Amino acid sequence: MYKIYIMTLFYTPGITGLTHVLSEEESMHCVRVLRLGEGDTVHLADGRGTLYTARIVAAHPKACAVEITSKEEHYKQHPYTLHMAIAPTKSMERFEWLLEKITEIGVDEITPLLCEHSERRVLKHERVEKILVAAMKQSLKAQLPLLHEMTPALDFVRKEFPGKKLMAHCEPGEKTVLPKALQGCRDALILIGPEGDFSTTEIAAAMQHGFEAVSLGDTRLRVETAGIVACCQMHTQWQFK
């Protein structure tokens, strides 16, 4: 009788030293669900980009203790930084799906935007954080996107950002296609508006603060589709270099 090894990540923020105790939720998953025991190898992600290999030393279902045997910093780290500021959709299910997918693809920071035309004006931060953690683990990453609090769009566009600042909107006017705007760009901030798009006031404010208007194509996209397209454009240009 032997075990088939399939890599499974456990989220373990705040690792210090050579021993660590998994949270009650992760301990239960490790010991009760996966039926791992003392001596078995596990992998831990701290959410800051480091992957740890460890050995179980006490298989308790509420406090599973492990001993760190090795670590790899910058595990599967993508060669760019992407901050996506996006207005949550009216349907929370659709927004959660978006968050899951952009985490899998590769995003570093996420800021939910409160816009003039927003239909969803409140987010449960803890629930959203759980979606991001689950997506990080599922895609075998060690870097958890930094989730910011919901911020009014007019306040957000005034913030400093060291990279390229881009805004996708549907209003007519001169725009750069997103792939061209991202060429050679390692640090990007991309704004995606709500179902009713950004208001003219929000667009004008963004342009005044150094944002560049970009186009995602000739068709009108749902908010979550626009977010996926933008994230994929950034990912693709660096993934295959």
C-alpha atoms as a PDB file:
ATOM      1  CA  MET A   1       0.000   0.000   0.000  1.00  0.00           C
ATOM      2  CA  TYR A   2       1.450   3.417  -0.950  1.00  0.00           C
ATOM      3  CA  LYS A   3       0.294   6.986  -1.191  1.00  0.00           C
ATOM      4  CA  ILE A   4       0.053   8.823  -4.494  1.00  0.00           C
ATOM      5  CA  TYR A   5       1.864  12.143  -4.046  1.00  0.00           C
ATOM      6  CA  ILE A   6       0.007  15.212  -5.231  1.00  0.00           C
ATOM      7  CA  MET A   7       1.375  18.592  -4.226  1.00  0.00           C
ATOM      8  CA  THR A   8      -1.028  20.440  -1.942  1.00  0.00           C
ATOM      9  CA  LEU A   9      -0.387  23.885  -0.520  1.00  0.00           C
ATOM     10  CA  PHE A  10      -1.337  25.023   2.957  1.00  0.00           C
ATOM     11  CA  TYR A  11      -1.604  28.735   3.645  1.00  0.00           C
ATOM     12  CA  THR A  12       0.668  29.591   6.551  1.00  0.00           C
ATOM     13  CA  PRO A  13       1.282  33.333   7.019  1.00  0.00           C
ATOM     14  CA  GLY A  14       3.748  34.431   9.650  1.00  0.00           C
ATOM     15  CA  ILE A  15       6.170  31.505   9.538  1.00  0.00           C
ATOM     16  CA  THR A  16       9.194  32.025  11.800  1.00  0.00           C
ATOM     17  CA  GLY A  17      11.807  29.502  12.796  1.00  0.00           C
ATOM     18  CA  LEU A  18      11.981  25.839  11.837  1.00  0.00           C
ATOM     19  CA  THR A  19       8.662  24.694  13.298  1.00  0.00           C
ATOM     20  CA  HIS A  20       5.139  25.847  12.622  1.00  0.00           C
ATOM     21  CA  VAL A  21       1.610  24.904  13.646  1.00  0.00           C
ATOM     22  CA  LEU A  22      -1.051  25.012  10.942  1.00  0.00           C
ATOM     23  CA  SER A  23      -4.280  26.868  11.596  1.00  0.00           C
ATOM     24  CA  GLU A  24      -7.228  24.792  12.781  1.00  0.00           C
ATOM     25  CA  GLU A  25      -8.824  24.949   9.318  1.00  0.00           C
ATOM     26  CA  GLU A  26      -5.641  23.885   7.530  1.00  0.00           C
ATOM     27  CA  SER A  27      -4.901  21.228  10.175  1.00  0.00           C
ATOM     28  CA  MET A  28      -8.333  19.684   9.668  1.00  0.00           C
ATOM     29  CA  HIS A  29      -7.849  19.643   5.891  1.00  0.00           C
ATOM     30  CA  CYS A  30      -4.389  18.123   6.233  1.00  0.00           C
ATOM     31  CA  VAL A  31      -5.164  15.415   8.804  1.00  0.00           C
ATOM     32  CA  ARG A  32      -8.857  14.615   8.394  1.00  0.00           C
ATOM     33  CA  VAL A  33      -9.473  15.296   4.680  1.00  0.00           C
ATOM     34  CA  LEU A  34      -6.133  14.370   3.110  1.00  0.00           C
ATOM     35  CA  ARG A  35      -5.335  11.811   5.848  1.00  0.00           C
ATOM     36  CA  LEU A  36      -1.712  12.869   6.106  1.00  0.00           C
ATOM     37  CA  GLY A  37       0.256  11.717   9.113  1.00  0.00           C
ATOM     38  CA  GLU A  38       3.552  12.047  10.924  1.00  0.00           C
ATOM     39  CA  GLY A  39       6.513  11.856   8.578  1.00  0.00           C
ATOM     40  CA  ASP A  40       4.542  12.951   5.520  1.00  0.00           C
ATOM     41  CA  THR A  41       5.843  15.860   3.440  1.00  0.00           C
ATOM     42  CA  VAL A  42       3.728  18.986   2.990  1.00  0.00           C
ATOM     43  CA  HIS A  43       4.218  22.338   1.273  1.00  0.00           C
ATOM     44  CA  LEU A  44       3.409  25.693   2.832  1.00  0.00           C
ATOM     45  CA  ALA A  45       2.842  29.077   1.192  1.00  0.00           C
ATOM     46  CA  ASP A  46       3.309  32.185   3.320  1.00  0.00           C
ATOM     47  CA  GLY A  47       1.514  34.503   0.878  1.00  0.00           C
ATOM     48  CA  ARG A  48       4.663  36.618   0.520  1.00  0.00           C
ATOM     49  CA  GLY A  49       6.252  34.523  -2.228  1.00  0.00           C
ATOM     50  CA  THR A  50       8.096  31.838  -0.252  1.00  0.00           C
ATOM     51  CA  LEU A  51       7.339  28.133  -0.612  1.00  0.00           C
ATOM     52  CA  TYR A  52       8.292  25.917   2.322  1.00  0.00           C
ATOM     53  CA  THR A  53       8.766  22.169   2.299  1.00  0.00           C
ATOM     54  CA  ALA A  54       8.031  20.612   5.673  1.00  0.00           C
ATOM     55  CA  ARG A  55       7.552  17.314   7.470  1.00  0.00           C
ATOM     56  CA  ILE A  56       4.620  16.600   9.766  1.00  0.00           C
ATOM     57  CA  VAL A  57       5.800  15.955  13.332  1.00  0.00           C
ATOM     58  CA  ALA A  58       2.432  15.947  15.127  1.00  0.00           C
ATOM     59  CA  ALA A  59      -0.672  15.115  13.089  1.00  0.00           C
ATOM     60  CA  HIS A  60      -3.267  16.738  15.329  1.00  0.00           C
ATOM     61  CA  PRO A  61      -6.513  17.622  13.478  1.00  0.00           C
ATOM     62  CA  LYS A  62      -6.775  20.997  15.246  1.00  0.00           C
ATOM     63  CA  ALA A  63      -3.091  21.897  15.527  1.00  0.00           C
ATOM     64  CA  CYS A  64      -0.933  20.031  13.054  1.00  0.00           C
ATOM     65  CA  ALA A  65       2.742  20.729  13.757  1.00  0.00           C
ATOM     66  CA  VAL A  66       5.354  20.664  11.016  1.00  0.00           C
ATOM     67  CA  GLU A  67       9.115  21.008  10.798  1.00  0.00           C
ATOM     68  CA  ILE A  68      10.537  23.120   7.954  1.00  0.00           C
ATOM     69  CA  THR A  69      13.088  21.238   5.863  1.00  0.00           C
ATOM     70  CA  SER A  70      13.691  23.730   3.039  1.00  0.00           C
ATOM     71  CA  LYS A  71      12.344  26.906   1.495  1.00  0.00           C
ATOM     72  CA  GLU A  72      12.304  28.594  -1.907  1.00  0.00           C
ATOM     73  CA  GLU A  73      11.882  32.361  -2.078  1.00  0.00           C
ATOM     74  CA  HIS A  74      10.183  34.100  -5.010  1.00  0.00           C
ATOM     75  CA  TYR A  75       8.495  30.819  -5.921  1.00  0.00           C
ATOM     76  CA  LYS A  76       6.866  31.068  -9.379  1.00  0.00           C
ATOM     77  CA  GLN A  77       7.056  34.851  -9.115  1.00  0.00           C
ATOM     78  CA  HIS A  78       6.058  36.591 -12.330  1.00  0.00           C
ATOM     79  CA  PRO A  79       8.494  39.154 -13.782  1.00  0.00           C
ATOM     80  CA  TYR A  80       6.087  42.104 -13.539  1.00  0.00           C
ATOM     81  CA  THR A  81       3.882  43.864 -11.025  1.00  0.00           C
ATOM     82  CA  LEU A  82       0.217  44.435 -11.770  1.00  0.00           C
ATOM     83  CA  HIS A  83      -2.177  46.473  -9.662  1.00  0.00           C
ATOM     84  CA  MET A  84      -5.768  46.092 -10.790  1.00  0.00           C
ATOM     85  CA  ALA A  85      -8.297  48.626  -9.536  1.00  0.00           C
ATOM     86  CA  ILE A  86     -11.747  47.455 -10.506  1.00  0.00           C
ATOM     87  CA  ALA A  87     -15.346  48.222  -9.581  1.00  0.00           C
ATOM     88  CA  PRO A  88     -17.105  45.165  -8.084  1.00  0.00           C
ATOM     89  CA  THR A  89     -20.020  43.852 -10.120  1.00  0.00           C
ATOM     90  CA  LYS A  90     -23.606  43.856  -8.889  1.00  0.00           C
ATOM     91  CA  SER A  91     -23.425  40.053  -8.840  1.00  0.00           C
ATOM     92  CA  MET A  92     -20.997  39.029  -6.097  1.00  0.00           C
ATOM     93  CA  GLU A  93     -20.654  35.608  -7.689  1.00  0.00           C
ATOM     94  CA  ARG A  94     -19.308  37.138 -10.893  1.00  0.00           C
ATOM     95  CA  PHE A  95     -16.870  39.352  -8.984  1.00  0.00           C
ATOM     96  CA  GLU A  96     -15.586  36.430  -6.922  1.00  0.00           C
ATOM     97  CA  TRP A  97     -15.034  34.473 -10.141  1.00  0.00           C
ATOM     98  CA  LEU A  98     -12.977  37.392 -11.483  1.00  0.00           C
ATOM     99  CA  LEU A  99     -10.857  37.553  -8.328  1.00  0.00           C
ATOM    100  CA  GLU A 100     -10.217  33.830  -8.507  1.00  0.00           C
ATOM    101  CA  LYS A 101      -9.090  33.939 -12.122  1.00  0.00           C
ATOM    102  CA  ILE A 102      -6.819  36.986 -11.944  1.00  0.00           C
ATOM    103  CA  THR A 103      -5.142  35.469  -8.873  1.00  0.00           C
ATOM    104  CA  GLU A 104      -4.507  32.286 -10.832  1.00  0.00           C
ATOM    105  CA  ILE A 105      -3.143  34.247 -13.817  1.00  0.00           C
ATOM    106  CA  GLY A 106      -1.005  36.667 -11.803  1.00  0.00           C
ATOM    107  CA  VAL A 107      -1.862  39.933 -10.069  1.00  0.00           C
ATOM    108  CA  ASP A 108      -0.049  41.662  -7.214  1.00  0.00           C
ATOM    109  CA  GLU A 109      -2.548  44.156  -5.815  1.00  0.00           C
ATOM    110  CA  ILE A 110      -6.311  44.531  -6.076  1.00  0.00           C
ATOM    111  CA  THR A 111      -8.275  47.649  -5.171  1.00  0.00           C
ATOM    112  CA  PRO A 112     -12.083  47.505  -5.372  1.00  0.00           C
ATOM    113  CA  LEU A 113     -13.289  50.857  -6.707  1.00  0.00           C
ATOM    114  CA  LEU A 114     -16.361  52.753  -5.585  1.00  0.00           C
ATOM    115  CA  CYS A 115     -17.538  54.674  -8.641  1.00  0.00           C
ATOM    116  CA  GLU A 116     -20.345  57.095  -9.397  1.00  0.00           C
ATOM    117  CA  HIS A 117     -22.162  54.392 -11.387  1.00  0.00           C
ATOM    118  CA  SER A 118     -21.335  51.491  -9.033  1.00  0.00           C
ATOM    119  CA  GLU A 119     -24.182  49.097  -8.297  1.00  0.00           C
ATOM    120  CA  ARG A 120     -22.271  47.326  -5.522  1.00  0.00           C
ATOM    121  CA  ARG A 121     -21.050  49.683  -2.846  1.00  0.00           C
ATOM    122  CA  VAL A 122     -20.116  47.277  -0.025  1.00  0.00           C
ATOM    123  CA  LEU A 123     -17.722  44.321   0.087  1.00  0.00           C
ATOM    124  CA  LYS A 124     -17.073  41.777   2.808  1.00  0.00           C
ATOM    125  CA  HIS A 125     -13.292  42.008   2.972  1.00  0.00           C
ATOM    126  CA  GLU A 126     -12.840  38.737   4.898  1.00  0.00           C
ATOM    127  CA  ARG A 127     -14.873  36.739   2.374  1.00  0.00           C
ATOM    128  CA  VAL A 128     -12.954  38.220  -0.561  1.00  0.00           C
ATOM    129  CA  GLU A 129      -9.652  37.420   1.165  1.00  0.00           C
ATOM    130  CA  LYS A 130     -10.700  33.759   1.438  1.00  0.00           C
ATOM    131  CA  ILE A 131     -11.398  33.663  -2.295  1.00  0.00           C
ATOM    132  CA  LEU A 132      -7.875  34.943  -2.985  1.00  0.00           C
ATOM    133  CA  VAL A 133      -6.277  32.428  -0.610  1.00  0.00           C
ATOM    134  CA  ALA A 134      -8.147  29.520  -2.183  1.00  0.00           C
ATOM    135  CA  ALA A 135      -7.131  30.651  -5.687  1.00  0.00           C
ATOM    136  CA  MET A 136      -3.489  31.045  -4.638  1.00  0.00           C
ATOM    137  CA  LYS A 137      -3.430  27.518  -3.230  1.00  0.00           C
ATOM    138  CA  GLN A 138      -5.280  25.976  -6.174  1.00  0.00           C
ATOM    139  CA  SER A 139      -2.853  27.495  -8.679  1.00  0.00           C
ATOM    140  CA  LEU A 140       0.164  26.456  -6.572  1.00  0.00           C
ATOM    141  CA  LYS A 141       1.429  29.973  -6.031  1.00  0.00           C
ATOM    142  CA  ALA A 142       3.103  31.344  -2.927  1.00  0.00           C
ATOM    143  CA  GLN A 143       2.263  35.020  -3.495  1.00  0.00           C
ATOM    144  CA  LEU A 144      -1.114  36.261  -2.237  1.00  0.00           C
ATOM    145  CA  PRO A 145      -2.409  39.426  -3.933  1.00  0.00           C
ATOM    146  CA  LEU A 146      -2.596  42.413  -1.601  1.00  0.00           C
ATOM    147  CA  LEU A 147      -6.266  43.310  -1.184  1.00  0.00           C
ATOM    148  CA  HIS A 148      -6.991  46.950  -0.420  1.00  0.00           C
ATOM    149  CA  GLU A 149     -10.167  48.376   1.045  1.00  0.00           C
ATOM    150  CA  MET A 150     -12.803  49.699  -1.336  1.00  0.00           C
ATOM    151  CA  THR A 151     -11.754  53.203  -2.400  1.00  0.00           C
ATOM    152  CA  PRO A 152     -13.689  55.980  -4.165  1.00  0.00           C
ATOM    153  CA  ALA A 153     -12.417  56.270  -7.742  1.00  0.00           C
ATOM    154  CA  LEU A 154     -11.845  60.027  -7.479  1.00  0.00           C
ATOM    155  CA  ASP A 155      -9.634  59.486  -4.420  1.00  0.00           C
ATOM    156  CA  PHE A 156      -7.801  56.561  -5.967  1.00  0.00           C
ATOM    157  CA  VAL A 157      -6.693  58.310  -9.183  1.00  0.00           C
ATOM    158  CA  ARG A 158      -4.897  60.941  -7.089  1.00  0.00           C
ATOM    159  CA  LYS A 159      -2.621  58.355  -5.465  1.00  0.00           C
ATOM    160  CA  GLU A 160       1.014  58.055  -6.540  1.00  0.00           C
ATOM    161  CA  PHE A 161       2.082  55.025  -8.605  1.00  0.00           C
ATOM    162  CA  PRO A 162       5.618  54.472  -9.960  1.00  0.00           C
ATOM    163  CA  GLY A 163       4.618  52.548 -13.101  1.00  0.00           C
ATOM    164  CA  LYS A 164       2.327  53.072 -16.078  1.00  0.00           C
ATOM    165  CA  LYS A 165      -1.225  54.168 -15.220  1.00  0.00           C
ATOM    166  CA  LEU A 166      -3.950  52.964 -17.573  1.00  0.00           C
ATOM    167  CA  MET A 167      -7.725  53.395 -17.620  1.00  0.00           C
ATOM    168  CA  ALA A 168     -10.094  51.306 -19.724  1.00  0.00           C
ATOM    169  CA  HIS A 169     -13.393  53.037 -20.414  1.00  0.00           C
ATOM    170  CA  CYS A 170     -16.116  53.066 -23.095  1.00  0.00           C
ATOM    171  CA  GLU A 171     -16.379  56.783 -23.784  1.00  0.00           C
ATOM    172  CA  PRO A 172     -15.380  57.903 -27.311  1.00  0.00           C
ATOM    173  CA  GLY A 173     -12.004  59.511 -27.817  1.00  0.00           C
ATOM    174  CA  GLU A 174      -8.402  58.700 -28.604  1.00  0.00           C
ATOM    175  CA  LYS A 175      -7.184  55.510 -26.940  1.00  0.00           C
ATOM    176  CA  THR A 176      -4.195  53.187 -27.127  1.00  0.00           C
ATOM    177  CA  VAL A 177      -4.912  49.481 -27.570  1.00  0.00           C
ATOM    178  CA  LEU A 178      -3.929  47.745 -24.346  1.00  0.00           C
ATOM    179  CA  PRO A 179      -1.242  45.402 -25.779  1.00  0.00           C
ATOM    180  CA  LYS A 180       0.577  48.400 -27.251  1.00  0.00           C
ATOM    181  CA  ALA A 181       0.254  50.401 -24.026  1.00  0.00           C
ATOM    182  CA  LEU A 182       1.774  47.496 -22.070  1.00  0.00           C
ATOM    183  CA  GLN A 183       4.728  46.849 -24.385  1.00  0.00           C
ATOM    184  CA  GLY A 184       7.881  46.675 -22.298  1.00  0.00           C
ATOM    185  CA  CYS A 185       5.953  47.717 -19.170  1.00  0.00           C
ATOM    186  CA  ARG A 186       6.951  45.894 -15.981  1.00  0.00           C
ATOM    187  CA  ASP A 187       4.814  47.891 -13.549  1.00  0.00           C
ATOM    188  CA  ALA A 188       1.226  48.645 -14.480  1.00  0.00           C
ATOM    189  CA  LEU A 189      -1.881  49.976 -12.789  1.00  0.00           C
ATOM    190  CA  ILE A 190      -5.079  49.231 -14.729  1.00  0.00           C
ATOM    191  CA  LEU A 191      -8.482  50.743 -13.905  1.00  0.00           C
ATOM    192  CA  ILE A 192     -11.701  48.936 -14.870  1.00  0.00           C
ATOM    193  CA  GLY A 193     -15.052  50.614 -14.227  1.00  0.00           C
ATOM    194  CA  PRO A 194     -18.493  49.317 -13.186  1.00  0.00           C
ATOM    195  CA  GLU A 195     -21.377  48.067 -15.359  1.00  0.00           C
ATOM    196  CA  GLY A 196     -22.326  51.673 -16.141  1.00  0.00           C
ATOM    197  CA  ASP A 197     -18.694  52.609 -16.890  1.00  0.00           C
ATOM    198  CA  PHE A 198     -16.728  55.423 -15.301  1.00  0.00           C
ATOM    199  CA  SER A 199     -18.437  58.808 -15.195  1.00  0.00           C
ATOM    200  CA  THR A 200     -17.109  61.666 -17.318  1.00  0.00           C
ATOM    201  CA  THR A 201     -15.930  63.314 -14.096  1.00  0.00           C
ATOM    202  CA  GLU A 202     -13.935  60.216 -13.095  1.00  0.00           C
ATOM    203  CA  ILE A 203     -12.423  59.892 -16.570  1.00  0.00           C
ATOM    204  CA  ALA A 204     -11.394  63.547 -16.623  1.00  0.00           C
ATOM    205  CA  ALA A 205      -9.847  63.279 -13.148  1.00  0.00           C
ATOM    206  CA  ALA A 206      -7.845  60.204 -14.148  1.00  0.00           C
ATOM    207  CA  MET A 207      -6.515  61.887 -17.288  1.00  0.00           C
ATOM    208  CA  GLN A 208      -5.527  64.955 -15.242  1.00  0.00           C
ATOM    209  CA  HIS A 209      -3.503  62.702 -12.936  1.00  0.00           C
ATOM    210  CA  GLY A 210      -1.466  60.988 -15.626  1.00  0.00           C
ATOM    211  CA  PHE A 211      -3.613  58.040 -16.664  1.00  0.00           C
ATOM    212  CA  GLU A 212      -3.649  56.896 -20.290  1.00  0.00           C
ATOM    213  CA  ALA A 213      -6.932  55.834 -21.893  1.00  0.00           C
ATOM    214  CA  VAL A 214      -6.773  52.300 -23.322  1.00  0.00           C
ATOM    215  CA  SER A 215      -9.037  50.125 -25.445  1.00  0.00           C
ATOM    216  CA  LEU A 216      -9.717  46.438 -24.806  1.00  0.00           C
ATOM    217  CA  GLY A 217     -11.187  45.911 -28.272  1.00  0.00           C
ATOM    218  CA  ASP A 218     -14.194  46.722 -30.420  1.00  0.00           C
ATOM    219  CA  THR A 219     -16.794  44.818 -28.379  1.00  0.00           C
ATOM    220  CA  ARG A 220     -18.346  45.887 -25.105  1.00  0.00           C
ATOM    221  CA  LEU A 221     -17.135  43.576 -22.363  1.00  0.00           C
ATOM    222  CA  ARG A 222     -18.610  42.695 -18.995  1.00  0.00           C
ATOM    223  CA  VAL A 223     -16.630  44.033 -16.049  1.00  0.00           C
ATOM    224  CA  GLU A 224     -15.234  40.622 -15.139  1.00  0.00           C
ATOM    225  CA  THR A 225     -14.339  39.875 -18.778  1.00  0.00           C
ATOM    226  CA  ALA A 226     -12.500  43.181 -19.066  1.00  0.00           C
ATOM    227  CA  GLY A 227     -10.542  42.355 -15.917  1.00  0.00           C
ATOM    228  CA  ILE A 228      -9.534  38.946 -17.271  1.00  0.00           C
ATOM    229  CA  VAL A 229      -8.499  40.409 -20.652  1.00  0.00           C
ATOM    230  CA  ALA A 230      -6.360  43.089 -18.995  1.00  0.00           C
ATOM    231  CA  CYS A 231      -4.676  40.619 -16.674  1.00  0.00           C
ATOM    232  CA  CYS A 232      -4.013  38.155 -19.511  1.00  0.00           C
ATOM    233  CA  GLN A 233      -2.451  40.873 -21.673  1.00  0.00           C
ATOM    234  CA  MET A 234       0.061  41.717 -18.944  1.00  0.00           C
ATOM    235  CA  HIS A 235       0.746  38.068 -18.169  1.00  0.00           C
ATOM    236  CA  THR A 236       1.181  36.949 -21.786  1.00  0.00           C
ATOM    237  CA  GLN A 237       3.716  39.568 -22.820  1.00  0.00           C
ATOM    238  CA  TRP A 238       6.095  38.500 -20.018  1.00  0.00           C
ATOM    239  CA  GLN A 239       5.271  34.786 -19.706  1.00  0.00           C
ATOM    240  CA  PHE A 240       6.618  33.887 -23.117  1.00  0.00           C
ATOM    241  CA  LYS A 241       9.689  36.130 -23.347  1.00  0.00           C
END
